[in-house]
Amino acid sequence: MKCMAGIDIGTTNIKGAVYDEAGRLLAAAKKGYESHTPARNFHEQEPGDWVKGLVEVLEEMVASKTIRANLSAISLSTQGGTVVPVDREGRPVCRAFTWLDRRGLALLDQDKRLRSENLKFYDRTGWRLDSGMSFLPLYWLREQKKDVFAKIDRIMWVNDYVQKEICGNFCQDPSNASISLFYHVAKGAWDQDIMDLLGLTPRYFSEVRNPGTVVGFLKDAYIRKLGLRSKVAVINGAHDQYCAAVAAGTLFSEDILLATGTAWVMFKGADEPLLDR
C-alpha cells in the first residue's frame, strides 16, 4: 500500500491529510502560525514558519507505523501572492510580504507613470496593480529599503520556497505564477515588460512546470527526523483555490465554486482567459 500527503500552507495555518491509493483518509493534522503587522497595511510572515509547520504537521500524521512505512509522496497547495525575496544563499532578505500586504498602495497613488500601467498589468496577468500583491511590496522595498532590495538574487513565493527547503529543488506552477503579477497568462511566460519596471529578468524567477511534476525528493534529514522508510517524492502542486476547485469538481466552463476561508473566492471554469476591464 502506498499513501500520499497533501499539505495546504494557508494564510493562518497549515493543514495536512494523508490518503491511500483508494482515496481513503488515513490521518489529518493542523498547525497555526503567526502573521506580523508591524505597521498599518503591513502583513508579513516568517518563511521558516511554513517549513517548521509543515514538518510538525507531517510528524503528527506519520505517528502510525503503517503511514511511516508507506508514505511515498507529498504535494503542496499554497496561499497565492505571498512573495519572499531571497539572497544568493537562498536566505530571505526580509520577512515574506503576504497577499494581504498593502504597503505599496501609497506609492502607487503618488506615481502617475506606474498608475498608467494598471490596465497593462490586468491585460497580461489578469490582476490589477492596485490589488497590492507581489509587485507593489517589491516596488516599496526598492524605493524604501534600497540596501535590502540590492541583496535580492531570486523572487520566490510560498510553494517554490518551501520546495527548496524540503527537497533542494524547486519550480513554480502556472496557477501560483498567474497570481504573482509577473506572469503573462495567455503566453504562459514571465512578462519582460513588467519585470523591466523593477529591473528584473527571468533569471530571478523559478521555472514554471505543470502540477503533478516531480520536483525532487524529501531531504534525508527530514526522512530521518520523521522516521520514514523510503524515498518520498515532492510533487509540484498549485495555488490553494485552484486545488480546491479541482477537488470540488469545478472542471468545466459551466461550473462555479464559492470557496470560503480567510478570503472568499468565486471561482468559474473558463476555456480561455476572460478579460473584462
C-alpha atoms as a PDB file:
ATOM      1  CA  MET A   1       0.000   0.000   0.000  1.00  0.00           C
ATOM      2  CA  LYS A   2       1.272   3.472  -0.902  1.00  0.00           C
ATOM      3  CA  CYS A   3      -0.021   6.642   0.698  1.00  0.00           C
ATOM      4  CA  MET A   4       0.326  10.330  -0.126  1.00  0.00           C
ATOM      5  CA  ALA A   5       0.190  13.537   1.900  1.00  0.00           C
ATOM      6  CA  GLY A   6      -1.387  16.772   0.793  1.00  0.00           C
ATOM      7  CA  ILE A   7      -0.215  19.886   2.642  1.00  0.00           C
ATOM      8  CA  ASP A   8      -2.082  23.202   2.449  1.00  0.00           C
ATOM      9  CA  ILE A   9       0.036  26.194   3.506  1.00  0.00           C
ATOM     10  CA  GLY A  10      -2.691  28.742   4.088  1.00  0.00           C
ATOM     11  CA  THR A  11      -2.865  32.297   5.342  1.00  0.00           C
ATOM     12  CA  THR A  12      -3.272  31.452   9.029  1.00  0.00           C
ATOM     13  CA  ASN A  13      -2.353  27.776   9.377  1.00  0.00           C
ATOM     14  CA  ILE A  14      -1.028  24.631   7.728  1.00  0.00           C
ATOM     15  CA  LYS A  15      -3.375  21.708   7.195  1.00  0.00           C
ATOM     16  CA  GLY A  16      -2.394  18.221   6.110  1.00  0.00           C
ATOM     17  CA  ALA A  17      -4.064  14.963   5.189  1.00  0.00           C
ATOM     18  CA  VAL A  18      -2.764  11.528   4.237  1.00  0.00           C
ATOM     19  CA  TYR A  19      -4.691   9.282   1.847  1.00  0.00           C
ATOM     20  CA  ASP A  20      -4.114   5.822   0.482  1.00  0.00           C
ATOM     21  CA  GLU A  21      -4.331   4.936  -3.198  1.00  0.00           C
ATOM     22  CA  ALA A  22      -8.054   4.220  -2.888  1.00  0.00           C
ATOM     23  CA  GLY A  23      -8.689   7.753  -1.614  1.00  0.00           C
ATOM     24  CA  ARG A  24      -9.307   6.742   1.998  1.00  0.00           C
ATOM     25  CA  LEU A  25      -8.347   9.324   4.610  1.00  0.00           C
ATOM     26  CA  LEU A  26      -5.709   7.877   6.962  1.00  0.00           C
ATOM     27  CA  ALA A  27      -4.627  10.893   9.031  1.00  0.00           C
ATOM     28  CA  ALA A  28      -5.005  14.653   9.287  1.00  0.00           C
ATOM     29  CA  ALA A  29      -3.360  17.449  11.260  1.00  0.00           C
ATOM     30  CA  LYS A  30      -3.297  21.234  11.547  1.00  0.00           C
ATOM     31  CA  LYS A  31      -0.887  23.833  12.950  1.00  0.00           C
ATOM     32  CA  GLY A  32      -1.256  27.602  13.182  1.00  0.00           C
ATOM     33  CA  TYR A  33       1.460  30.206  12.795  1.00  0.00           C
ATOM     34  CA  GLU A  34       1.860  33.897  13.372  1.00  0.00           C
ATOM     35  CA  SER A  35       1.377  36.785  10.981  1.00  0.00           C
ATOM     36  CA  HIS A  36       3.083  40.082  11.745  1.00  0.00           C
ATOM     37  CA  THR A  37       1.620  43.567  11.305  1.00  0.00           C
ATOM     38  CA  PRO A  38       4.400  45.964  12.396  1.00  0.00           C
ATOM     39  CA  ALA A  39       2.599  48.936  10.853  1.00  0.00           C
ATOM     40  CA  ARG A  40      -0.708  49.789   9.213  1.00  0.00           C
ATOM     41  CA  ASN A  41      -1.105  47.923   5.886  1.00  0.00           C
ATOM     42  CA  PHE A  42       1.952  45.751   6.654  1.00  0.00           C
ATOM     43  CA  HIS A  43       1.261  41.999   6.643  1.00  0.00           C
ATOM     44  CA  GLU A  44       4.263  39.695   6.961  1.00  0.00           C
ATOM     45  CA  GLN A  45       5.160  36.095   7.751  1.00  0.00           C
ATOM     46  CA  GLU A  46       8.399  34.304   8.598  1.00  0.00           C
ATOM     47  CA  PRO A  47       9.141  31.848   5.751  1.00  0.00           C
ATOM     48  CA  GLY A  48      10.792  29.496   8.234  1.00  0.00           C
ATOM     49  CA  ASP A  49       7.431  29.115   9.988  1.00  0.00           C
ATOM     50  CA  TRP A  50       5.991  27.486   6.857  1.00  0.00           C
ATOM     51  CA  VAL A  51       8.713  24.826   6.857  1.00  0.00           C
ATOM     52  CA  LYS A  52       8.540  24.309  10.619  1.00  0.00           C
ATOM     53  CA  GLY A  53       4.758  23.975  10.458  1.00  0.00           C
ATOM     54  CA  LEU A  54       4.929  21.531   7.563  1.00  0.00           C
ATOM     55  CA  VAL A  55       7.309  19.275   9.474  1.00  0.00           C
ATOM     56  CA  GLU A  56       5.143  19.443  12.607  1.00  0.00           C
ATOM     57  CA  VAL A  57       2.050  18.500  10.606  1.00  0.00           C
ATOM     58  CA  LEU A  58       3.890  15.612   8.971  1.00  0.00           C
ATOM     59  CA  GLU A  59       5.206  14.422  12.354  1.00  0.00           C
ATOM     60  CA  GLU A  60       1.665  14.202  13.682  1.00  0.00           C
ATOM     61  CA  MET A  61       0.338  12.462  10.584  1.00  0.00           C
ATOM     62  CA  VAL A  62       3.075   9.806  10.396  1.00  0.00           C
ATOM     63  CA  ALA A  63       2.619   8.689  14.003  1.00  0.00           C
ATOM     64  CA  SER A  64       1.184   5.490  12.531  1.00  0.00           C
ATOM     65  CA  LYS A  65       3.820   2.878  11.699  1.00  0.00           C
ATOM     66  CA  THR A  66       1.818   1.959   8.589  1.00  0.00           C
ATOM     67  CA  ILE A  67       1.976   5.502   7.231  1.00  0.00           C
ATOM     68  CA  ARG A  68       5.682   5.850   8.063  1.00  0.00           C
ATOM     69  CA  ALA A  69       6.395   2.694   6.090  1.00  0.00           C
ATOM     70  CA  ASN A  70       4.283   3.595   3.073  1.00  0.00           C
ATOM     71  CA  LEU A  71       4.377   7.370   2.579  1.00  0.00           C
ATOM     72  CA  SER A  72       5.555   7.818  -0.998  1.00  0.00           C
ATOM     73  CA  ALA A  73       4.767  11.429  -1.967  1.00  0.00           C
ATOM     74  CA  ILE A  74       3.792  14.850  -0.674  1.00  0.00           C
ATOM     75  CA  SER A  75       2.410  17.823  -2.554  1.00  0.00           C
ATOM     76  CA  LEU A  76       1.609  21.415  -1.603  1.00  0.00           C
ATOM     77  CA  SER A  77      -1.308  23.729  -2.114  1.00  0.00           C
ATOM     78  CA  THR A  78      -0.396  27.248  -1.024  1.00  0.00           C
ATOM     79  CA  GLN A  79      -1.638  30.755  -0.393  1.00  0.00           C
ATOM     80  CA  GLY A  80      -1.002  32.814  -3.539  1.00  0.00           C
ATOM     81  CA  GLY A  81       0.608  36.218  -3.955  1.00  0.00           C
ATOM     82  CA  THR A  82       2.756  35.925  -0.808  1.00  0.00           C
ATOM     83  CA  VAL A  83       6.236  36.837  -2.005  1.00  0.00           C
ATOM     84  CA  VAL A  84       9.598  36.123  -0.368  1.00  0.00           C
ATOM     85  CA  PRO A  85      12.772  37.631  -1.890  1.00  0.00           C
ATOM     86  CA  VAL A  86      15.949  35.642  -1.149  1.00  0.00           C
ATOM     87  CA  ASP A  87      19.700  36.207  -1.462  1.00  0.00           C
ATOM     88  CA  ARG A  88      22.343  34.103  -3.250  1.00  0.00           C
ATOM     89  CA  GLU A  89      22.333  31.554  -0.423  1.00  0.00           C
ATOM     90  CA  GLY A  90      18.559  31.210  -0.667  1.00  0.00           C
ATOM     91  CA  ARG A  91      18.001  33.056   2.612  1.00  0.00           C
ATOM     92  CA  PRO A  92      15.115  35.526   2.877  1.00  0.00           C
ATOM     93  CA  VAL A  93      16.346  39.119   2.812  1.00  0.00           C
ATOM     94  CA  CYS A  94      13.286  40.091   4.862  1.00  0.00           C
ATOM     95  CA  ARG A  95      10.017  38.596   6.035  1.00  0.00           C
ATOM     96  CA  ALA A  96       7.614  37.466   3.343  1.00  0.00           C
ATOM     97  CA  PHE A  97       5.027  40.012   2.199  1.00  0.00           C
ATOM     98  CA  THR A  98       1.673  38.222   2.321  1.00  0.00           C
ATOM     99  CA  TRP A  99      -1.096  38.720  -0.211  1.00  0.00           C
ATOM    100  CA  LEU A 100      -2.824  40.938   2.394  1.00  0.00           C
ATOM    101  CA  ASP A 101       0.057  43.456   2.421  1.00  0.00           C
ATOM    102  CA  ARG A 102      -0.957  46.886   1.105  1.00  0.00           C
ATOM    103  CA  ARG A 103       2.103  48.994   1.951  1.00  0.00           C
ATOM    104  CA  GLY A 104       2.784  49.798  -1.710  1.00  0.00           C
ATOM    105  CA  LEU A 105      -0.594  51.374  -2.467  1.00  0.00           C
ATOM    106  CA  ALA A 106       0.509  54.818  -1.241  1.00  0.00           C
ATOM    107  CA  LEU A 107       3.455  54.733  -3.658  1.00  0.00           C
ATOM    108  CA  LEU A 108       1.122  53.743  -6.476  1.00  0.00           C
ATOM    109  CA  ASP A 109      -1.086  56.753  -5.677  1.00  0.00           C
ATOM    110  CA  GLN A 110       1.973  59.017  -5.966  1.00  0.00           C
ATOM    111  CA  ASP A 111       3.372  57.517  -9.183  1.00  0.00           C
ATOM    112  CA  LYS A 112       1.360  58.624 -12.210  1.00  0.00           C
ATOM    113  CA  ARG A 113       3.596  56.684 -14.608  1.00  0.00           C
ATOM    114  CA  LEU A 114       3.089  53.439 -12.695  1.00  0.00           C
ATOM    115  CA  ARG A 115      -0.673  54.017 -12.397  1.00  0.00           C
ATOM    116  CA  SER A 116      -0.791  54.302 -16.177  1.00  0.00           C
ATOM    117  CA  GLU A 117       0.442  50.672 -16.333  1.00  0.00           C
ATOM    118  CA  ASN A 118      -2.537  49.338 -14.360  1.00  0.00           C
ATOM    119  CA  LEU A 119      -4.548  48.085 -17.306  1.00  0.00           C
ATOM    120  CA  LYS A 120      -1.410  46.625 -18.915  1.00  0.00           C
ATOM    121  CA  PHE A 121      -0.976  44.522 -15.782  1.00  0.00           C
ATOM    122  CA  TYR A 122      -4.598  43.415 -15.961  1.00  0.00           C
ATOM    123  CA  ASP A 123      -4.489  42.567 -19.668  1.00  0.00           C
ATOM    124  CA  ARG A 124      -1.384  40.436 -19.194  1.00  0.00           C
ATOM    125  CA  THR A 125      -1.763  38.901 -15.753  1.00  0.00           C
ATOM    126  CA  GLY A 126      -5.493  39.061 -15.037  1.00  0.00           C
ATOM    127  CA  TRP A 127      -4.732  41.133 -11.925  1.00  0.00           C
ATOM    128  CA  ARG A 128      -4.623  44.884 -11.380  1.00  0.00           C
ATOM    129  CA  LEU A 129      -1.690  46.578  -9.692  1.00  0.00           C
ATOM    130  CA  ASP A 130      -3.978  48.029  -7.059  1.00  0.00           C
ATOM    131  CA  SER A 131      -4.666  44.522  -5.766  1.00  0.00           C
ATOM    132  CA  GLY A 132      -1.464  45.266  -3.856  1.00  0.00           C
ATOM    133  CA  MET A 133       0.070  41.810  -4.242  1.00  0.00           C
ATOM    134  CA  SER A 134       3.673  40.823  -5.024  1.00  0.00           C
ATOM    135  CA  PHE A 135       4.717  43.623  -7.357  1.00  0.00           C
ATOM    136  CA  LEU A 136       3.849  46.585  -5.133  1.00  0.00           C
ATOM    137  CA  PRO A 137       5.547  45.273  -1.954  1.00  0.00           C
ATOM    138  CA  LEU A 138       8.680  44.672  -4.034  1.00  0.00           C
ATOM    139  CA  TYR A 139       8.344  48.157  -5.527  1.00  0.00           C
ATOM    140  CA  TRP A 140       8.046  49.525  -1.979  1.00  0.00           C
ATOM    141  CA  LEU A 141      11.160  47.580  -0.977  1.00  0.00           C
ATOM    142  CA  ARG A 142      13.108  49.068  -3.891  1.00  0.00           C
ATOM    143  CA  GLU A 143      12.002  52.607  -3.047  1.00  0.00           C
ATOM    144  CA  GLN A 144      12.169  52.446   0.755  1.00  0.00           C
ATOM    145  CA  LYS A 145      14.817  49.791   1.526  1.00  0.00           C
ATOM    146  CA  LYS A 146      17.293  50.027  -1.341  1.00  0.00           C
ATOM    147  CA  ASP A 147      20.029  48.163   0.562  1.00  0.00           C
ATOM    148  CA  VAL A 148      17.690  45.212   1.170  1.00  0.00           C
ATOM    149  CA  PHE A 149      16.407  45.218  -2.421  1.00  0.00           C
ATOM    150  CA  ALA A 150      20.008  45.129  -3.685  1.00  0.00           C
ATOM    151  CA  LYS A 151      20.557  41.798  -1.887  1.00  0.00           C
ATOM    152  CA  ILE A 152      17.786  40.027  -3.836  1.00  0.00           C
ATOM    153  CA  ASP A 153      19.016  37.192  -6.007  1.00  0.00           C
ATOM    154  CA  ARG A 154      15.686  35.456  -6.594  1.00  0.00           C
ATOM    155  CA  ILE A 155      11.973  36.198  -6.176  1.00  0.00           C
ATOM    156  CA  MET A 156      10.095  33.262  -4.674  1.00  0.00           C
ATOM    157  CA  TRP A 157       6.625  32.511  -3.376  1.00  0.00           C
ATOM    158  CA  VAL A 158       5.390  30.082  -0.749  1.00  0.00           C
ATOM    159  CA  ASN A 159       5.416  26.975  -2.918  1.00  0.00           C
ATOM    160  CA  ASP A 160       8.854  27.210  -4.535  1.00  0.00           C
ATOM    161  CA  TYR A 161      10.468  28.498  -1.325  1.00  0.00           C
ATOM    162  CA  VAL A 162       9.182  25.521   0.693  1.00  0.00           C
ATOM    163  CA  GLN A 163      10.129  23.097  -2.097  1.00  0.00           C
ATOM    164  CA  LYS A 164      13.682  24.486  -1.992  1.00  0.00           C
ATOM    165  CA  GLU A 165      13.864  23.985   1.750  1.00  0.00           C
ATOM    166  CA  ILE A 166      12.487  20.447   1.929  1.00  0.00           C
ATOM    167  CA  CYS A 167      13.970  18.855  -1.199  1.00  0.00           C
ATOM    168  CA  GLY A 168      16.652  21.208  -2.562  1.00  0.00           C
ATOM    169  CA  ASN A 169      14.929  21.593  -5.940  1.00  0.00           C
ATOM    170  CA  PHE A 170      12.144  23.983  -6.810  1.00  0.00           C
ATOM    171  CA  CYS A 171       9.847  25.203  -9.555  1.00  0.00           C
ATOM    172  CA  GLN A 172       6.739  27.318  -9.962  1.00  0.00           C
ATOM    173  CA  ASP A 173       3.334  26.216 -11.213  1.00  0.00           C
ATOM    174  CA  PRO A 174       1.077  28.171 -13.609  1.00  0.00           C
ATOM    175  CA  SER A 175      -1.641  28.952 -11.054  1.00  0.00           C
ATOM    176  CA  ASN A 176       0.735  30.466  -8.493  1.00  0.00           C
ATOM    177  CA  ALA A 177       2.656  32.221 -11.270  1.00  0.00           C
ATOM    178  CA  SER A 178      -0.586  33.760 -12.535  1.00  0.00           C
ATOM    179  CA  ILE A 179      -1.266  35.469  -9.204  1.00  0.00           C
ATOM    180  CA  SER A 180       2.283  36.886  -8.961  1.00  0.00           C
ATOM    181  CA  LEU A 181       1.609  39.872 -11.293  1.00  0.00           C
ATOM    182  CA  PHE A 182       4.774  38.996 -13.229  1.00  0.00           C
ATOM    183  CA  TYR A 183       3.347  36.216 -15.428  1.00  0.00           C
ATOM    184  CA  HIS A 184       1.632  36.664 -18.803  1.00  0.00           C
ATOM    185  CA  VAL A 185      -1.217  34.176 -18.542  1.00  0.00           C
ATOM    186  CA  ALA A 186      -2.010  33.981 -22.272  1.00  0.00           C
ATOM    187  CA  LYS A 187       1.623  33.484 -23.306  1.00  0.00           C
ATOM    188  CA  GLY A 188       2.451  31.244 -20.356  1.00  0.00           C
ATOM    189  CA  ALA A 189       5.717  33.063 -19.602  1.00  0.00           C
ATOM    190  CA  TRP A 190       7.240  35.595 -17.235  1.00  0.00           C
ATOM    191  CA  ASP A 191       6.497  39.042 -18.690  1.00  0.00           C
ATOM    192  CA  GLN A 192       9.639  41.006 -19.556  1.00  0.00           C
ATOM    193  CA  ASP A 193       7.888  44.403 -19.747  1.00  0.00           C
ATOM    194  CA  ILE A 194       6.626  44.004 -16.196  1.00  0.00           C
ATOM    195  CA  MET A 195       9.972  42.701 -14.949  1.00  0.00           C
ATOM    196  CA  ASP A 196      11.683  45.724 -16.535  1.00  0.00           C
ATOM    197  CA  LEU A 197       9.739  48.028 -14.195  1.00  0.00           C
ATOM    198  CA  LEU A 198      11.783  46.632 -11.302  1.00  0.00           C
ATOM    199  CA  GLY A 199      14.961  45.894 -13.247  1.00  0.00           C
ATOM    200  CA  LEU A 200      14.408  42.122 -13.105  1.00  0.00           C
ATOM    201  CA  THR A 201      14.936  39.333 -15.651  1.00  0.00           C
ATOM    202  CA  PRO A 202      13.553  35.768 -15.912  1.00  0.00           C
ATOM    203  CA  ARG A 203      16.647  34.580 -14.025  1.00  0.00           C
ATOM    204  CA  TYR A 204      15.050  35.914 -10.839  1.00  0.00           C
ATOM    205  CA  PHE A 205      12.051  33.591 -11.170  1.00  0.00           C
ATOM    206  CA  SER A 206      11.568  29.835 -10.922  1.00  0.00           C
ATOM    207  CA  GLU A 207      10.899  27.704 -13.972  1.00  0.00           C
ATOM    208  CA  VAL A 208       7.165  27.164 -14.427  1.00  0.00           C
ATOM    209  CA  ARG A 209       6.215  23.479 -14.570  1.00  0.00           C
ATOM    210  CA  ASN A 210       2.836  21.772 -14.507  1.00  0.00           C
ATOM    211  CA  PRO A 211       1.220  20.392 -11.351  1.00  0.00           C
ATOM    212  CA  GLY A 212       1.983  16.704 -10.970  1.00  0.00           C
ATOM    213  CA  THR A 213       5.632  17.143 -11.949  1.00  0.00           C
ATOM    214  CA  VAL A 214       8.151  15.505  -9.619  1.00  0.00           C
ATOM    215  CA  VAL A 215      10.210  18.370  -8.160  1.00  0.00           C
ATOM    216  CA  GLY A 216      12.594  16.191  -6.173  1.00  0.00           C
ATOM    217  CA  PHE A 217      12.713  14.004  -3.076  1.00  0.00           C
ATOM    218  CA  LEU A 218      12.423  14.855   0.601  1.00  0.00           C
ATOM    219  CA  LYS A 219      15.861  15.560   2.070  1.00  0.00           C
ATOM    220  CA  ASP A 220      17.452  12.753   4.067  1.00  0.00           C
ATOM    221  CA  ALA A 221      17.441  14.905   7.206  1.00  0.00           C
ATOM    222  CA  TYR A 222      13.636  15.019   7.116  1.00  0.00           C
ATOM    223  CA  ILE A 223      13.369  11.315   6.267  1.00  0.00           C
ATOM    224  CA  ARG A 224      15.371  10.536   9.425  1.00  0.00           C
ATOM    225  CA  LYS A 225      13.530  13.070  11.590  1.00  0.00           C
ATOM    226  CA  LEU A 226      10.147  11.685  10.564  1.00  0.00           C
ATOM    227  CA  GLY A 227      11.240   8.030  10.757  1.00  0.00           C
ATOM    228  CA  LEU A 228      10.182   7.313   7.175  1.00  0.00           C
ATOM    229  CA  ARG A 229      11.204   4.072   5.493  1.00  0.00           C
ATOM    230  CA  SER A 230      11.688   5.085   1.868  1.00  0.00           C
ATOM    231  CA  LYS A 231      12.220   7.990  -0.515  1.00  0.00           C
ATOM    232  CA  VAL A 232       9.344  10.470  -0.606  1.00  0.00           C
ATOM    233  CA  ALA A 233       8.692  12.364  -3.822  1.00  0.00           C
ATOM    234  CA  VAL A 234       7.836  16.068  -3.636  1.00  0.00           C
ATOM    235  CA  ILE A 235       5.204  16.752  -6.302  1.00  0.00           C
ATOM    236  CA  ASN A 236       4.523  20.176  -7.807  1.00  0.00           C
ATOM    237  CA  GLY A 237       1.134  21.368  -6.586  1.00  0.00           C
ATOM    238  CA  ALA A 238      -0.849  24.550  -7.194  1.00  0.00           C
ATOM    239  CA  HIS A 239      -2.476  27.638  -5.710  1.00  0.00           C
ATOM    240  CA  ASP A 240      -4.921  26.651  -2.968  1.00  0.00           C
ATOM    241  CA  GLN A 241      -8.057  27.950  -4.697  1.00  0.00           C
ATOM    242  CA  TYR A 242      -7.291  26.001  -7.882  1.00  0.00           C
ATOM    243  CA  CYS A 243      -6.681  22.862  -5.835  1.00  0.00           C
ATOM    244  CA  ALA A 244      -9.983  23.435  -4.041  1.00  0.00           C
ATOM    245  CA  ALA A 245     -11.729  23.842  -7.390  1.00  0.00           C
ATOM    246  CA  VAL A 246     -10.360  20.560  -8.742  1.00  0.00           C
ATOM    247  CA  ALA A 247     -11.224  18.734  -5.503  1.00  0.00           C
ATOM    248  CA  ALA A 248     -14.779  20.083  -5.651  1.00  0.00           C
ATOM    249  CA  GLY A 249     -15.172  19.022  -9.280  1.00  0.00           C
ATOM    250  CA  THR A 250     -15.205  22.550 -10.746  1.00  0.00           C
ATOM    251  CA  LEU A 251     -13.653  21.393 -14.018  1.00  0.00           C
ATOM    252  CA  PHE A 252     -15.728  22.848 -16.835  1.00  0.00           C
ATOM    253  CA  SER A 253     -16.821  26.269 -18.062  1.00  0.00           C
ATOM    254  CA  GLU A 254     -20.355  25.854 -16.707  1.00  0.00           C
ATOM    255  CA  ASP A 255     -19.087  25.126 -13.166  1.00  0.00           C
ATOM    256  CA  ILE A 256     -18.872  27.735 -10.408  1.00  0.00           C
ATOM    257  CA  LEU A 257     -17.366  27.301  -6.937  1.00  0.00           C
ATOM    258  CA  LEU A 258     -17.726  29.550  -3.904  1.00  0.00           C
ATOM    259  CA  ALA A 259     -14.690  28.860  -1.685  1.00  0.00           C
ATOM    260  CA  THR A 260     -14.769  30.211   1.866  1.00  0.00           C
ATOM    261  CA  GLY A 261     -11.743  30.851   4.060  1.00  0.00           C
ATOM    262  CA  THR A 262      -9.589  33.836   5.011  1.00  0.00           C
ATOM    263  CA  ALA A 263     -10.616  35.060   1.570  1.00  0.00           C
ATOM    264  CA  TRP A 264     -13.907  34.182  -0.079  1.00  0.00           C
ATOM    265  CA  VAL A 265     -13.390  33.355  -3.741  1.00  0.00           C
ATOM    266  CA  MET A 266     -15.882  32.922  -6.570  1.00  0.00           C
ATOM    267  CA  PHE A 267     -14.212  30.513  -8.991  1.00  0.00           C
ATOM    268  CA  LYS A 268     -15.530  29.811 -12.501  1.00  0.00           C
ATOM    269  CA  GLY A 269     -14.110  27.493 -15.110  1.00  0.00           C
ATOM    270  CA  ALA A 270     -13.188  29.024 -18.482  1.00  0.00           C
ATOM    271  CA  ASP A 271     -11.889  27.620 -21.730  1.00  0.00           C
ATOM    272  CA  GLU A 272      -9.744  30.697 -22.348  1.00  0.00           C
ATOM    273  CA  PRO A 273      -8.749  33.846 -20.429  1.00  0.00           C
ATOM    274  CA  LEU A 274     -11.749  36.145 -19.861  1.00  0.00           C
ATOM    275  CA  LEU A 275     -10.602  39.759 -19.562  1.00  0.00           C
ATOM    276  CA  ASP A 276     -13.166  42.423 -18.758  1.00  0.00           C
ATOM    277  CA  ARG A 277     -11.762  45.832 -17.880  1.00  0.00           C
END
